[in-house]
């Protein structure tokens, strides 16, 4: 049933080339968020 809704996308050699930059950008975004959060926690811990 869901196969009729979702078109069949052929996986070619260019598919990983399109996916890997998106994955690395997501990792960069979450790493930056984690580092900012860790810095904030350290700052709050130092104030006590």
PDB file of N, CA and C in Angstrom:
ATOM      1  N   UNK A   1       0.826  -1.197   0.000  1.00  0.00           N
ATOM      2  CA  UNK A   1       0.000   0.000   0.000  1.00  0.00           C
ATOM      3  C   UNK A   1       0.869   1.260   0.000  1.00  0.00           C
ATOM      4  N   UNK A   2       1.889   1.301   0.866  1.00  0.00           N
ATOM      5  CA  UNK A   2       2.741   2.476   0.910  1.00  0.00           C
ATOM      6  C   UNK A   2       3.663   2.544  -0.300  1.00  0.00           C
ATOM      7  N   UNK A   3       3.872   1.405  -0.976  1.00  0.00           N
ATOM      8  CA  UNK A   3       4.736   1.407  -2.153  1.00  0.00           C
ATOM      9  C   UNK A   3       4.104   2.201  -3.288  1.00  0.00           C
ATOM     10  N   UNK A   4       2.777   2.285  -3.313  1.00  0.00           N
ATOM     11  CA  UNK A   4       2.107   3.053  -4.353  1.00  0.00           C
ATOM     12  C   UNK A   4       2.240   4.553  -4.095  1.00  0.00           C
ATOM     13  N   UNK A   5       2.370   4.936  -2.831  1.00  0.00           N
ATOM     14  CA  UNK A   5       2.477   6.359  -2.495  1.00  0.00           C
ATOM     15  C   UNK A   5       3.902   6.852  -2.718  1.00  0.00           C
ATOM     16  N   UNK A   6       4.877   6.063  -2.265  1.00  0.00           N
ATOM     17  CA  UNK A   6       6.276   6.465  -2.368  1.00  0.00           C
ATOM     18  C   UNK A   6       6.838   5.979  -3.702  1.00  0.00           C
ATOM     19  N   UNK A   7       7.300   6.886  -4.549  1.00  0.00           N
ATOM     20  CA  UNK A   7       7.860   6.441  -5.831  1.00  0.00           C
ATOM     21  C   UNK A   7       9.173   5.703  -5.611  1.00  0.00           C
ATOM     22  N   UNK A   8       9.447   4.764  -6.472  1.00  0.00           N
ATOM     23  CA  UNK A   8      10.672   3.972  -6.333  1.00  0.00           C
ATOM     24  C   UNK A   8      11.848   4.816  -6.801  1.00  0.00           C
ATOM     25  N   UNK A   9      12.779   5.077  -5.891  1.00  0.00           N
ATOM     26  CA  UNK A   9      13.928   5.918  -6.207  1.00  0.00           C
ATOM     27  C   UNK A   9      15.122   5.004  -6.486  1.00  0.00           C
ATOM     28  N   UNK A  10      15.668   5.063  -7.686  1.00  0.00           N
ATOM     29  CA  UNK A  10      16.834   4.222  -7.975  1.00  0.00           C
ATOM     30  C   UNK A  10      18.061   4.704  -7.208  1.00  0.00           C
ATOM     31  N   UNK A  11      18.755   3.791  -6.561  1.00  0.00           N
ATOM     32  CA  UNK A  11      19.968   4.150  -5.814  1.00  0.00           C
ATOM     33  C   UNK A  11      21.149   4.026  -6.758  1.00  0.00           C
ATOM     34  N   UNK A  12      21.674   5.161  -7.153  1.00  0.00           N
ATOM     35  CA  UNK A  12      22.809   5.170  -8.075  1.00  0.00           C
ATOM     36  C   UNK A  12      24.074   5.539  -7.315  1.00  0.00           C
ATOM     37  N   UNK A  13      25.164   5.680  -8.065  1.00  0.00           N
ATOM     38  CA  UNK A  13      26.430   6.039  -7.423  1.00  0.00           C
ATOM     39  C   UNK A  13      26.420   7.471  -6.899  1.00  0.00           C
ATOM     40  N   UNK A  14      25.528   8.303  -7.414  1.00  0.00           N
ATOM     41  CA  UNK A  14      25.517   9.695  -6.960  1.00  0.00           C
ATOM     42  C   UNK A  14      24.722   9.872  -5.675  1.00  0.00           C
ATOM     43  N   UNK A  15      23.945   8.868  -5.284  1.00  0.00           N
ATOM     44  CA  UNK A  15      23.135   9.001  -4.077  1.00  0.00           C
ATOM     45  C   UNK A  15      23.991   9.198  -2.815  1.00  0.00           C
ATOM     46  N   UNK A  16      25.024   8.374  -2.580  1.00  0.00           N
ATOM     47  CA  UNK A  16      25.872   8.642  -1.400  1.00  0.00           C
ATOM     48  C   UNK A  16      26.562  10.003  -1.483  1.00  0.00           C
ATOM     49  N   UNK A  17      26.907  10.428  -2.704  1.00  0.00           N
ATOM     50  CA  UNK A  17      27.565  11.725  -2.863  1.00  0.00           C
ATOM     51  C   UNK A  17      26.635  12.858  -2.447  1.00  0.00           C
ATOM     52  N   UNK A  18      25.341  12.659  -2.574  1.00  0.00           N
ATOM     53  CA  UNK A  18      24.385  13.673  -2.133  1.00  0.00           C
ATOM     54  C   UNK A  18      24.082  13.565  -0.647  1.00  0.00           C
ATOM     55  N   UNK A  19      24.172  12.352  -0.101  1.00  0.00           N
ATOM     56  CA  UNK A  19      23.809  12.151   1.301  1.00  0.00           C
ATOM     57  C   UNK A  19      24.940  12.512   2.268  1.00  0.00           C
ATOM     58  N   UNK A  20      26.195  12.235   1.902  1.00  0.00           N
ATOM     59  CA  UNK A  20      27.287  12.432   2.856  1.00  0.00           C
ATOM     60  C   UNK A  20      27.478  13.882   3.275  1.00  0.00           C
ATOM     61  N   UNK A  21      27.383  14.862   2.387  1.00  0.00           N
ATOM     62  CA  UNK A  21      27.495  16.246   2.867  1.00  0.00           C
ATOM     63  C   UNK A  21      26.385  16.619   3.851  1.00  0.00           C
ATOM     64  N   UNK A  22      25.187  16.111   3.633  1.00  0.00           N
ATOM     65  CA  UNK A  22      24.088  16.420   4.552  1.00  0.00           C
ATOM     66  C   UNK A  22      24.359  15.816   5.924  1.00  0.00           C
ATOM     67  N   UNK A  23      24.900  14.590   5.946  1.00  0.00           N
ATOM     68  CA  UNK A  23      25.204  13.933   7.223  1.00  0.00           C
ATOM     69  C   UNK A  23      26.286  14.706   7.971  1.00  0.00           C
ATOM     70  N   UNK A  24      27.330  15.126   7.257  1.00  0.00           N
ATOM     71  CA  UNK A  24      28.412  15.851   7.926  1.00  0.00           C
ATOM     72  C   UNK A  24      27.928  17.209   8.433  1.00  0.00           C
ATOM     73  N   UNK A  25      27.030  17.862   7.674  1.00  0.00           N
ATOM     74  CA  UNK A  25      26.499  19.137   8.145  1.00  0.00           C
ATOM     75  C   UNK A  25      25.639  18.955   9.390  1.00  0.00           C
ATOM     76  N   UNK A  26      24.870  17.854   9.425  1.00  0.00           N
ATOM     77  CA  UNK A  26      24.078  17.575  10.625  1.00  0.00           C
ATOM     78  C   UNK A  26      24.984  17.321  11.822  1.00  0.00           C
ATOM     79  N   UNK A  27      26.059  16.555  11.616  1.00  0.00           N
ATOM     80  CA  UNK A  27      26.993  16.287  12.713  1.00  0.00           C
ATOM     81  C   UNK A  27      27.651  17.585  13.186  1.00  0.00           C
ATOM     82  N   UNK A  28      28.003  18.451  12.253  1.00  0.00           N
ATOM     83  CA  UNK A  28      28.594  19.732  12.639  1.00  0.00           C
ATOM     84  C   UNK A  28      27.622  20.555  13.469  1.00  0.00           C
ATOM     85  N   UNK A  29      26.363  20.567  13.069  1.00  0.00           N
ATOM     86  CA  UNK A  29      25.372  21.360  13.794  1.00  0.00           C
ATOM     87  C   UNK A  29      25.195  20.829  15.215  1.00  0.00           C
ATOM     88  N   UNK A  30      25.105  19.499  15.354  1.00  0.00           N
ATOM     89  CA  UNK A  30      24.896  18.941  16.684  1.00  0.00           C
ATOM     90  C   UNK A  30      26.150  19.052  17.539  1.00  0.00           C
ATOM     91  N   UNK A  31      27.342  18.955  16.931  1.00  0.00           N
ATOM     92  CA  UNK A  31      28.583  19.130  17.684  1.00  0.00           C
ATOM     93  C   UNK A  31      28.667  20.557  18.213  1.00  0.00           C
ATOM     94  N   UNK A  32      28.326  21.518  17.369  1.00  0.00           N
ATOM     95  CA  UNK A  32      28.362  22.924  17.784  1.00  0.00           C
ATOM     96  C   UNK A  32      27.382  23.166  18.922  1.00  0.00           C
ATOM     97  N   UNK A  33      26.196  22.572  18.825  1.00  0.00           N
ATOM     98  CA  UNK A  33      25.190  22.739  19.873  1.00  0.00           C
ATOM     99  C   UNK A  33      25.683  22.120  21.182  1.00  0.00           C
ATOM    100  N   UNK A  34      26.296  20.925  21.085  1.00  0.00           N
ATOM    101  CA  UNK A  34      26.790  20.248  22.281  1.00  0.00           C
ATOM    102  C   UNK A  34      27.913  21.052  22.937  1.00  0.00           C
ATOM    103  N   UNK A  35      28.821  21.581  22.116  1.00  0.00           N
ATOM    104  CA  UNK A  35      29.925  22.367  22.677  1.00  0.00           C
ATOM    105  C   UNK A  35      29.423  23.638  23.352  1.00  0.00           C
ATOM    106  N   UNK A  36      28.427  24.272  22.747  1.00  0.00           N
ATOM    107  CA  UNK A  36      27.857  25.478  23.363  1.00  0.00           C
ATOM    108  C   UNK A  36      27.189  25.144  24.687  1.00  0.00           C
ATOM    109  N   UNK A  37      26.463  24.033  24.713  1.00  0.00           N
ATOM    110  CA  UNK A  37      25.795  23.607  25.949  1.00  0.00           C
ATOM    111  C   UNK A  37      26.819  23.258  27.028  1.00  0.00           C
ATOM    112  N   UNK A  38      27.891  22.565  26.648  1.00  0.00           N
ATOM    113  CA  UNK A  38      28.927  22.214  27.613  1.00  0.00           C
ATOM    114  C   UNK A  38      29.612  23.461  28.170  1.00  0.00           C
ATOM    115  N   UNK A  39      29.835  24.447  27.293  1.00  0.00           N
ATOM    116  CA  UNK A  39      30.454  25.697  27.739  1.00  0.00           C
ATOM    117  C   UNK A  39      29.545  26.429  28.725  1.00  0.00           C
ATOM    118  N   UNK A  40      28.245  26.418  28.454  1.00  0.00           N
ATOM    119  CA  UNK A  40      27.295  27.065  29.358  1.00  0.00           C
ATOM    120  C   UNK A  40      27.256  26.359  30.715  1.00  0.00           C
ATOM    121  N   UNK A  41      27.295  25.034  30.693  1.00  0.00           N
ATOM    122  CA  UNK A  41      27.272  24.269  31.948  1.00  0.00           C
ATOM    123  C   UNK A  41      28.534  24.544  32.759  1.00  0.00           C
ATOM    124  N   UNK A  42      29.696  24.600  32.072  1.00  0.00           N
ATOM    125  CA  UNK A  42      30.942  24.898  32.780  1.00  0.00           C
ATOM    126  C   UNK A  42      30.895  26.290  33.398  1.00  0.00           C
ATOM    127  N   UNK A  43      30.335  27.233  32.654  1.00  0.00           N
ATOM    128  CA  UNK A  43      30.247  28.609  33.160  1.00  0.00           C
ATOM    129  C   UNK A  43      29.359  28.662  34.398  1.00  0.00           C
ATOM    130  N   UNK A  44      28.228  27.961  34.356  1.00  0.00           N
ATOM    131  CA  UNK A  44      27.330  27.954  35.497  1.00  0.00           C
ATOM    132  C   UNK A  44      27.963  27.226  36.681  1.00  0.00           C
ATOM    133  N   UNK A  45      28.727  26.180  36.431  1.00  0.00           N
ATOM    134  CA  UNK A  45      29.380  25.440  37.503  1.00  0.00           C
ATOM    135  C   UNK A  45      30.480  26.277  38.157  1.00  0.00           C
ATOM    136  N   UNK A  46      31.151  27.094  37.365  1.00  0.00           N
ATOM    137  CA  UNK A  46      32.216  27.933  37.919  1.00  0.00           C
ATOM    138  C   UNK A  46      31.652  29.065  38.781  1.00  0.00           C
ATOM    139  N   UNK A  47      30.435  29.483  38.518  1.00  0.00           N
ATOM    140  CA  UNK A  47      29.854  30.586  39.274  1.00  0.00           C
ATOM    141  C   UNK A  47      29.450  30.154  40.679  1.00  0.00           C
ATOM    142  N   UNK A  48      29.232  28.884  40.895  1.00  0.00           N
ATOM    143  CA  UNK A  48      28.810  28.426  42.224  1.00  0.00           C
ATOM    144  C   UNK A  48      29.958  28.423  43.201  1.00  0.00           C
TER     145      UNK A  48
END
